[in-house]
N, C-alpha and C. Protein backbone atom coordinates (compact mmCIF):
# COMPACT_ATOMS: atom_id res chain seq x y z
N MET A 1 83.56 -27.48 20.75
CA MET A 1 84.12 -26.43 19.92
C MET A 1 83.01 -25.51 19.43
N THR A 2 83.33 -24.24 19.34
CA THR A 2 82.38 -23.24 18.89
C THR A 2 82.56 -23.02 17.39
N THR A 3 81.45 -23.05 16.65
CA THR A 3 81.48 -22.74 15.23
C THR A 3 80.61 -21.51 14.98
N ILE A 4 81.16 -20.57 14.24
CA ILE A 4 80.49 -19.31 13.93
C ILE A 4 80.39 -19.21 12.41
N THR A 5 79.24 -18.77 11.93
CA THR A 5 79.05 -18.57 10.49
C THR A 5 78.87 -17.08 10.23
N ILE A 6 79.63 -16.58 9.26
CA ILE A 6 79.43 -15.21 8.80
C ILE A 6 79.16 -15.25 7.30
N LYS A 7 78.45 -14.25 6.83
CA LYS A 7 78.08 -14.19 5.41
C LYS A 7 78.74 -12.98 4.77
N GLY A 8 79.10 -13.14 3.50
CA GLY A 8 79.73 -12.05 2.78
C GLY A 8 79.52 -12.17 1.29
N ARG A 9 80.28 -11.39 0.56
CA ARG A 9 80.17 -11.33 -0.90
C ARG A 9 81.39 -11.97 -1.54
N LYS A 10 81.14 -12.76 -2.57
CA LYS A 10 82.22 -13.40 -3.32
C LYS A 10 83.01 -12.35 -4.10
N VAL A 11 84.32 -12.47 -4.02
CA VAL A 11 85.22 -11.70 -4.88
C VAL A 11 85.78 -12.66 -5.92
N VAL A 12 86.29 -13.80 -5.46
CA VAL A 12 86.75 -14.89 -6.33
C VAL A 12 86.09 -16.16 -5.80
N GLY A 13 85.46 -16.92 -6.68
CA GLY A 13 84.73 -18.11 -6.27
C GLY A 13 85.63 -19.26 -5.87
N GLY A 14 84.99 -20.25 -5.27
CA GLY A 14 85.68 -21.46 -4.87
C GLY A 14 85.48 -21.76 -3.40
N VAL A 15 86.01 -22.92 -3.00
CA VAL A 15 85.91 -23.38 -1.62
C VAL A 15 87.30 -23.79 -1.17
N ALA A 16 87.66 -23.37 0.03
CA ALA A 16 88.95 -23.75 0.61
C ALA A 16 88.81 -23.68 2.12
N GLU A 17 89.69 -24.41 2.81
CA GLU A 17 89.69 -24.32 4.25
C GLU A 17 91.10 -24.49 4.77
N GLY A 18 91.30 -23.93 5.96
CA GLY A 18 92.62 -24.02 6.57
C GLY A 18 92.69 -23.18 7.82
N GLU A 19 93.86 -23.17 8.41
CA GLU A 19 94.10 -22.38 9.61
C GLU A 19 94.15 -20.90 9.24
N ALA A 20 93.57 -20.08 10.08
CA ALA A 20 93.55 -18.63 9.83
C ALA A 20 94.84 -17.98 10.30
N ILE A 21 95.24 -16.95 9.57
CA ILE A 21 96.25 -16.01 10.02
C ILE A 21 95.63 -14.64 9.84
N THR A 22 95.56 -13.87 10.93
CA THR A 22 94.85 -12.60 10.89
C THR A 22 95.78 -11.44 11.22
N THR A 23 95.43 -10.29 10.66
CA THR A 23 96.15 -9.07 10.98
C THR A 23 95.22 -7.88 10.83
N HIS A 24 95.37 -6.92 11.71
CA HIS A 24 94.62 -5.67 11.61
C HIS A 24 95.38 -4.65 10.75
N ASP A 25 96.57 -5.02 10.30
CA ASP A 25 97.36 -4.16 9.41
C ASP A 25 97.08 -4.52 7.96
N THR A 26 97.01 -3.52 7.10
CA THR A 26 96.93 -3.81 5.67
C THR A 26 98.25 -4.46 5.24
N VAL A 27 98.20 -5.16 4.11
CA VAL A 27 99.38 -5.88 3.63
C VAL A 27 99.85 -5.22 2.34
N SER A 28 101.14 -4.94 2.27
CA SER A 28 101.74 -4.38 1.07
C SER A 28 102.35 -5.52 0.26
N GLY A 29 101.90 -5.68 -0.98
CA GLY A 29 102.47 -6.71 -1.83
C GLY A 29 103.89 -6.35 -2.24
N TRP A 30 104.07 -5.13 -2.73
CA TRP A 30 105.36 -4.68 -3.23
C TRP A 30 106.22 -4.23 -2.07
N GLY A 31 107.19 -5.05 -1.71
CA GLY A 31 108.10 -4.73 -0.63
C GLY A 31 107.63 -5.17 0.74
N GLY A 32 106.40 -5.71 0.82
CA GLY A 32 105.87 -6.13 2.11
C GLY A 32 105.82 -7.62 2.30
N ILE A 33 105.93 -8.37 1.18
CA ILE A 33 105.91 -9.83 1.28
C ILE A 33 107.06 -10.44 0.48
N ASP A 34 107.51 -11.59 0.93
CA ASP A 34 108.45 -12.40 0.15
C ASP A 34 107.58 -13.35 -0.65
N SER A 35 107.45 -13.12 -1.93
CA SER A 35 106.54 -13.91 -2.75
C SER A 35 107.01 -15.35 -2.95
N ASN A 36 108.24 -15.67 -2.63
CA ASN A 36 108.72 -17.05 -2.73
C ASN A 36 108.29 -17.91 -1.55
N THR A 37 108.03 -17.27 -0.41
CA THR A 37 107.69 -18.01 0.80
C THR A 37 106.34 -17.63 1.40
N GLY A 38 105.77 -16.52 0.93
CA GLY A 38 104.53 -16.02 1.52
C GLY A 38 104.74 -15.35 2.86
N THR A 39 105.96 -14.97 3.15
CA THR A 39 106.31 -14.38 4.44
C THR A 39 106.17 -12.87 4.40
N ILE A 40 105.58 -12.31 5.45
CA ILE A 40 105.50 -10.85 5.60
C ILE A 40 106.89 -10.36 5.97
N ILE A 41 107.44 -9.44 5.17
CA ILE A 41 108.78 -8.92 5.44
C ILE A 41 108.79 -7.43 5.77
N GLU A 42 107.63 -6.81 5.76
CA GLU A 42 107.55 -5.39 6.12
C GLU A 42 107.92 -5.25 7.60
N ARG A 43 108.97 -4.50 7.88
CA ARG A 43 109.55 -4.46 9.22
C ARG A 43 108.59 -4.02 10.32
N ARG A 44 107.68 -3.14 10.04
CA ARG A 44 106.79 -2.63 11.09
C ARG A 44 105.42 -3.32 11.11
N HIS A 45 105.27 -4.37 10.34
CA HIS A 45 104.00 -5.09 10.28
C HIS A 45 103.89 -6.03 11.47
N GLU A 46 102.66 -6.19 12.02
CA GLU A 46 102.49 -7.05 13.19
C GLU A 46 102.77 -8.53 12.89
N LEU A 47 102.75 -8.94 11.62
CA LEU A 47 103.04 -10.33 11.25
C LEU A 47 104.44 -10.51 10.66
N VAL A 48 105.32 -9.57 10.84
CA VAL A 48 106.65 -9.68 10.24
C VAL A 48 107.27 -11.03 10.62
N GLY A 49 107.79 -11.72 9.61
CA GLY A 49 108.43 -13.02 9.82
C GLY A 49 107.48 -14.20 9.75
N GLN A 50 106.18 -13.96 9.64
CA GLN A 50 105.20 -15.05 9.56
C GLN A 50 104.73 -15.23 8.13
N SER A 51 104.39 -16.46 7.78
CA SER A 51 103.97 -16.78 6.42
C SER A 51 102.47 -17.04 6.35
N PHE A 52 101.85 -16.59 5.26
CA PHE A 52 100.45 -16.87 4.99
C PHE A 52 100.27 -18.07 4.07
N LYS A 53 101.37 -18.71 3.69
CA LYS A 53 101.32 -19.86 2.79
C LYS A 53 100.40 -20.93 3.37
N ASP A 54 99.46 -21.40 2.54
CA ASP A 54 98.52 -22.46 2.90
C ASP A 54 97.62 -22.13 4.08
N LYS A 55 97.42 -20.86 4.37
CA LYS A 55 96.53 -20.43 5.43
C LYS A 55 95.43 -19.56 4.85
N VAL A 56 94.41 -19.30 5.63
CA VAL A 56 93.36 -18.37 5.24
C VAL A 56 93.77 -17.01 5.79
N LEU A 57 94.07 -16.09 4.89
CA LEU A 57 94.55 -14.76 5.26
C LEU A 57 93.36 -13.83 5.49
N VAL A 58 93.24 -13.32 6.71
CA VAL A 58 92.15 -12.42 7.09
C VAL A 58 92.78 -11.07 7.42
N PHE A 59 92.44 -10.03 6.63
CA PHE A 59 93.11 -8.74 6.79
C PHE A 59 92.25 -7.62 6.23
N PRO A 60 92.58 -6.38 6.61
CA PRO A 60 91.77 -5.25 6.13
C PRO A 60 91.83 -5.07 4.62
N GLY A 61 92.95 -5.37 3.99
CA GLY A 61 93.07 -5.19 2.56
C GLY A 61 94.48 -4.80 2.17
N ALA A 62 94.57 -4.15 1.03
CA ALA A 62 95.85 -3.86 0.41
C ALA A 62 96.31 -2.44 0.69
N LYS A 63 97.62 -2.27 0.63
CA LYS A 63 98.19 -0.92 0.65
C LYS A 63 99.37 -0.90 -0.30
N GLY A 64 99.77 0.28 -0.67
CA GLY A 64 100.92 0.42 -1.55
C GLY A 64 100.51 0.71 -2.97
N SER A 65 101.42 0.42 -3.87
CA SER A 65 101.22 0.76 -5.28
C SER A 65 100.39 -0.30 -5.99
N SER A 66 100.13 -0.05 -7.25
CA SER A 66 99.38 -1.01 -8.06
C SER A 66 100.19 -2.27 -8.34
N GLY A 67 101.47 -2.28 -8.01
CA GLY A 67 102.29 -3.48 -8.14
C GLY A 67 101.94 -4.54 -7.11
N TYR A 68 101.06 -4.17 -6.17
CA TYR A 68 100.61 -5.07 -5.10
C TYR A 68 100.22 -6.44 -5.65
N SER A 69 99.36 -6.45 -6.64
CA SER A 69 98.80 -7.70 -7.15
C SER A 69 99.87 -8.59 -7.79
N HIS A 70 100.88 -7.99 -8.38
CA HIS A 70 101.94 -8.77 -9.04
C HIS A 70 102.65 -9.68 -8.04
N PHE A 71 102.87 -9.21 -6.83
CA PHE A 71 103.59 -10.01 -5.84
C PHE A 71 102.72 -11.15 -5.30
N PHE A 72 101.41 -10.95 -5.24
CA PHE A 72 100.53 -12.06 -4.87
C PHE A 72 100.44 -13.06 -6.01
N HIS A 73 100.49 -12.59 -7.25
CA HIS A 73 100.55 -13.50 -8.40
C HIS A 73 101.82 -14.34 -8.33
N LEU A 74 102.95 -13.70 -8.03
CA LEU A 74 104.21 -14.44 -7.91
C LEU A 74 104.16 -15.46 -6.77
N ALA A 75 103.49 -15.13 -5.68
CA ALA A 75 103.34 -16.07 -4.57
C ALA A 75 102.54 -17.29 -5.02
N ARG A 76 101.51 -17.07 -5.82
CA ARG A 76 100.74 -18.20 -6.35
C ARG A 76 101.60 -19.09 -7.22
N VAL A 77 102.37 -18.48 -8.11
CA VAL A 77 103.24 -19.24 -9.01
C VAL A 77 104.28 -20.03 -8.22
N ALA A 78 104.77 -19.45 -7.13
CA ALA A 78 105.80 -20.11 -6.30
C ALA A 78 105.21 -21.14 -5.34
N GLY A 79 103.88 -21.25 -5.30
CA GLY A 79 103.25 -22.18 -4.37
C GLY A 79 103.20 -21.66 -2.94
N ALA A 80 103.28 -20.34 -2.77
CA ALA A 80 103.34 -19.74 -1.44
C ALA A 80 102.11 -18.88 -1.13
N ALA A 81 101.06 -19.02 -1.92
CA ALA A 81 99.86 -18.20 -1.73
C ALA A 81 99.03 -18.71 -0.56
N PRO A 82 98.18 -17.83 -0.04
CA PRO A 82 97.23 -18.30 0.97
C PRO A 82 96.19 -19.22 0.31
N LYS A 83 95.49 -20.03 1.10
CA LYS A 83 94.44 -20.89 0.57
C LYS A 83 93.19 -20.09 0.23
N ALA A 84 92.97 -19.00 0.97
CA ALA A 84 91.82 -18.13 0.74
C ALA A 84 92.15 -16.77 1.35
N MET A 85 91.40 -15.74 0.94
CA MET A 85 91.59 -14.40 1.49
C MET A 85 90.24 -13.81 1.86
N LEU A 86 90.20 -13.21 3.06
CA LEU A 86 89.00 -12.53 3.54
C LEU A 86 89.39 -11.09 3.84
N PHE A 87 88.73 -10.15 3.17
CA PHE A 87 89.03 -8.73 3.29
C PHE A 87 87.95 -8.04 4.10
N SER A 88 88.33 -7.29 5.13
CA SER A 88 87.32 -6.52 5.85
C SER A 88 86.96 -5.24 5.10
N LYS A 89 87.85 -4.80 4.21
CA LYS A 89 87.58 -3.61 3.38
C LYS A 89 88.03 -3.89 1.95
N MET A 90 87.12 -3.81 1.02
CA MET A 90 87.44 -4.10 -0.37
C MET A 90 87.84 -2.84 -1.11
N THR A 91 88.95 -2.94 -1.83
CA THR A 91 89.40 -1.89 -2.72
C THR A 91 89.72 -2.53 -4.07
N THR A 92 89.89 -1.73 -5.10
CA THR A 92 90.23 -2.30 -6.40
C THR A 92 91.58 -3.00 -6.34
N LYS A 93 92.50 -2.48 -5.55
CA LYS A 93 93.83 -3.10 -5.40
C LYS A 93 93.70 -4.49 -4.77
N ALA A 94 92.90 -4.60 -3.71
CA ALA A 94 92.69 -5.88 -3.05
C ALA A 94 91.98 -6.86 -3.98
N ALA A 95 90.98 -6.38 -4.71
CA ALA A 95 90.23 -7.24 -5.62
C ALA A 95 91.15 -7.80 -6.71
N LEU A 96 91.99 -6.96 -7.28
CA LEU A 96 92.91 -7.42 -8.32
C LEU A 96 93.89 -8.44 -7.74
N GLY A 97 94.37 -8.21 -6.53
CA GLY A 97 95.26 -9.17 -5.88
C GLY A 97 94.58 -10.51 -5.70
N ALA A 98 93.31 -10.50 -5.32
CA ALA A 98 92.56 -11.75 -5.15
C ALA A 98 92.40 -12.47 -6.48
N VAL A 99 92.08 -11.72 -7.53
CA VAL A 99 91.87 -12.33 -8.84
C VAL A 99 93.13 -13.01 -9.35
N VAL A 100 94.28 -12.35 -9.26
CA VAL A 100 95.51 -12.95 -9.78
C VAL A 100 96.04 -14.05 -8.88
N THR A 101 95.66 -14.05 -7.61
CA THR A 101 96.07 -15.12 -6.70
C THR A 101 95.25 -16.37 -6.96
N ARG A 102 94.03 -16.19 -7.46
CA ARG A 102 93.15 -17.30 -7.84
C ARG A 102 92.78 -18.20 -6.67
N VAL A 103 92.52 -17.59 -5.52
CA VAL A 103 92.05 -18.35 -4.37
C VAL A 103 90.67 -17.81 -3.97
N PRO A 104 89.84 -18.63 -3.35
CA PRO A 104 88.54 -18.13 -2.90
C PRO A 104 88.73 -16.88 -2.03
N SER A 105 87.98 -15.84 -2.34
CA SER A 105 88.14 -14.56 -1.65
C SER A 105 86.77 -13.94 -1.44
N MET A 106 86.62 -13.27 -0.28
CA MET A 106 85.34 -12.65 0.06
C MET A 106 85.55 -11.32 0.77
N SER A 107 84.48 -10.50 0.75
CA SER A 107 84.46 -9.22 1.42
C SER A 107 83.01 -8.87 1.77
N ASP A 108 82.78 -7.66 2.27
CA ASP A 108 81.44 -7.15 2.57
C ASP A 108 80.65 -8.10 3.47
N PHE A 109 81.19 -8.38 4.64
CA PHE A 109 80.61 -9.34 5.58
C PHE A 109 79.51 -8.73 6.44
N ASP A 110 78.63 -9.60 6.95
CA ASP A 110 77.60 -9.15 7.88
C ASP A 110 78.18 -8.88 9.27
N ARG A 111 79.37 -9.38 9.53
CA ARG A 111 80.12 -9.10 10.76
C ARG A 111 81.58 -8.94 10.37
N ASP A 112 82.29 -8.09 11.07
CA ASP A 112 83.71 -7.87 10.78
C ASP A 112 84.47 -9.16 11.05
N PRO A 113 85.08 -9.76 10.00
CA PRO A 113 85.79 -11.01 10.22
C PRO A 113 86.95 -10.88 11.22
N LEU A 114 87.50 -9.68 11.34
CA LEU A 114 88.61 -9.49 12.28
C LEU A 114 88.13 -9.43 13.74
N GLU A 115 86.82 -9.33 13.94
CA GLU A 115 86.27 -9.41 15.29
C GLU A 115 85.84 -10.83 15.63
N VAL A 116 85.75 -11.69 14.62
CA VAL A 116 85.28 -13.06 14.81
C VAL A 116 86.42 -14.07 14.72
N ILE A 117 87.32 -13.86 13.76
CA ILE A 117 88.36 -14.85 13.45
C ILE A 117 89.68 -14.44 14.09
N GLU A 118 90.34 -15.42 14.72
CA GLU A 118 91.65 -15.21 15.31
C GLU A 118 92.65 -16.15 14.65
N THR A 119 93.90 -15.77 14.68
CA THR A 119 94.95 -16.65 14.18
C THR A 119 94.85 -17.99 14.89
N GLY A 120 94.87 -19.06 14.12
CA GLY A 120 94.78 -20.40 14.67
C GLY A 120 93.40 -21.02 14.56
N ASP A 121 92.36 -20.20 14.35
CA ASP A 121 91.02 -20.75 14.13
C ASP A 121 91.02 -21.52 12.82
N TRP A 122 90.14 -22.52 12.71
CA TRP A 122 89.98 -23.26 11.45
C TRP A 122 88.85 -22.59 10.68
N VAL A 123 89.11 -22.23 9.42
CA VAL A 123 88.16 -21.46 8.63
C VAL A 123 87.87 -22.17 7.31
N LYS A 124 86.57 -22.36 7.04
CA LYS A 124 86.14 -22.88 5.75
C LYS A 124 85.48 -21.75 4.99
N VAL A 125 86.00 -21.44 3.82
CA VAL A 125 85.50 -20.37 2.97
C VAL A 125 84.77 -20.99 1.79
N ASP A 126 83.49 -20.72 1.68
CA ASP A 126 82.70 -21.13 0.52
C ASP A 126 82.25 -19.84 -0.17
N ALA A 127 83.13 -19.31 -0.98
CA ALA A 127 82.86 -18.02 -1.63
C ALA A 127 81.68 -18.12 -2.59
N ASP A 128 81.47 -19.28 -3.19
CA ASP A 128 80.36 -19.44 -4.12
C ASP A 128 79.02 -19.25 -3.42
N ARG A 129 78.92 -19.69 -2.18
CA ARG A 129 77.68 -19.56 -1.40
C ARG A 129 77.69 -18.32 -0.51
N GLY A 130 78.85 -17.65 -0.42
CA GLY A 130 78.95 -16.45 0.41
C GLY A 130 78.96 -16.74 1.90
N ILE A 131 79.54 -17.88 2.28
CA ILE A 131 79.54 -18.31 3.67
C ILE A 131 80.94 -18.64 4.16
N VAL A 132 81.25 -18.20 5.37
CA VAL A 132 82.50 -18.54 6.04
C VAL A 132 82.14 -19.21 7.36
N GLU A 133 82.65 -20.42 7.57
CA GLU A 133 82.44 -21.14 8.83
C GLU A 133 83.74 -21.12 9.61
N VAL A 134 83.66 -20.63 10.85
CA VAL A 134 84.84 -20.47 11.70
C VAL A 134 84.71 -21.42 12.88
N THR A 135 85.67 -22.33 13.03
CA THR A 135 85.73 -23.19 14.20
C THR A 135 86.83 -22.63 15.09
N LYS A 136 86.41 -22.15 16.25
CA LYS A 136 87.36 -21.51 17.16
C LYS A 136 88.40 -22.50 17.64
N LYS A 137 89.64 -22.04 17.73
CA LYS A 137 90.72 -22.89 18.23
C LYS A 137 90.44 -23.27 19.69
N ALA A 138 90.99 -24.37 20.11
CA ALA A 138 90.77 -24.84 21.48
C ALA A 138 91.18 -23.76 22.48
N GLY A 139 90.33 -23.50 23.44
CA GLY A 139 90.64 -22.53 24.48
C GLY A 139 90.35 -21.10 24.09
N ALA A 140 89.86 -20.87 22.86
CA ALA A 140 89.58 -19.49 22.42
C ALA A 140 88.28 -19.00 23.03
N LYS A 141 88.22 -17.72 23.27
CA LYS A 141 87.01 -17.08 23.78
C LYS A 141 86.04 -16.93 22.60
N PRO A 142 84.81 -17.44 22.72
CA PRO A 142 83.85 -17.29 21.63
C PRO A 142 83.50 -15.83 21.36
N ALA A 143 83.12 -15.52 20.15
CA ALA A 143 82.69 -14.16 19.81
C ALA A 143 81.46 -13.81 20.64
N THR A 144 81.30 -12.55 21.01
CA THR A 144 80.25 -12.15 21.92
C THR A 144 78.92 -11.89 21.24
N ALA A 145 78.90 -11.56 19.98
CA ALA A 145 77.64 -11.27 19.29
C ALA A 145 76.87 -12.57 19.06
N ALA A 146 75.59 -12.44 18.79
CA ALA A 146 74.76 -13.62 18.53
C ALA A 146 75.30 -14.38 17.35
N GLU A 147 75.29 -15.69 17.48
CA GLU A 147 75.87 -16.52 16.43
C GLU A 147 74.80 -17.26 15.76
């Protein structure tokens, strides 16, 4: 198995690990997710019908109104939040969503996490140390850059 390490900046501290779910689409909290299940419900989103519950959510960041963070807070309360969040682009909206979700979260990586991590990879997020360890899923093509 191939393991890749990337470094980034802590947004919310802590350590968590789990299966990755990735998207190149931003995620809308208000009207884009079902906060009771963690399911993406935005009709034109590439993950529509899939849940981020108990997974490491890897995505560009937030879109929509400032109500975005409230729906991630509700997902946490309902037990449907992701285990960790990795943002390829940090915004105040995304940061607030990470804070209210209270899961390890990171941004500002030395490599774009969306070029390294694929859905199904096993990801360990150590936000306190600023390190993400990615174990590629069986049969996955390893990342091409130096590891």
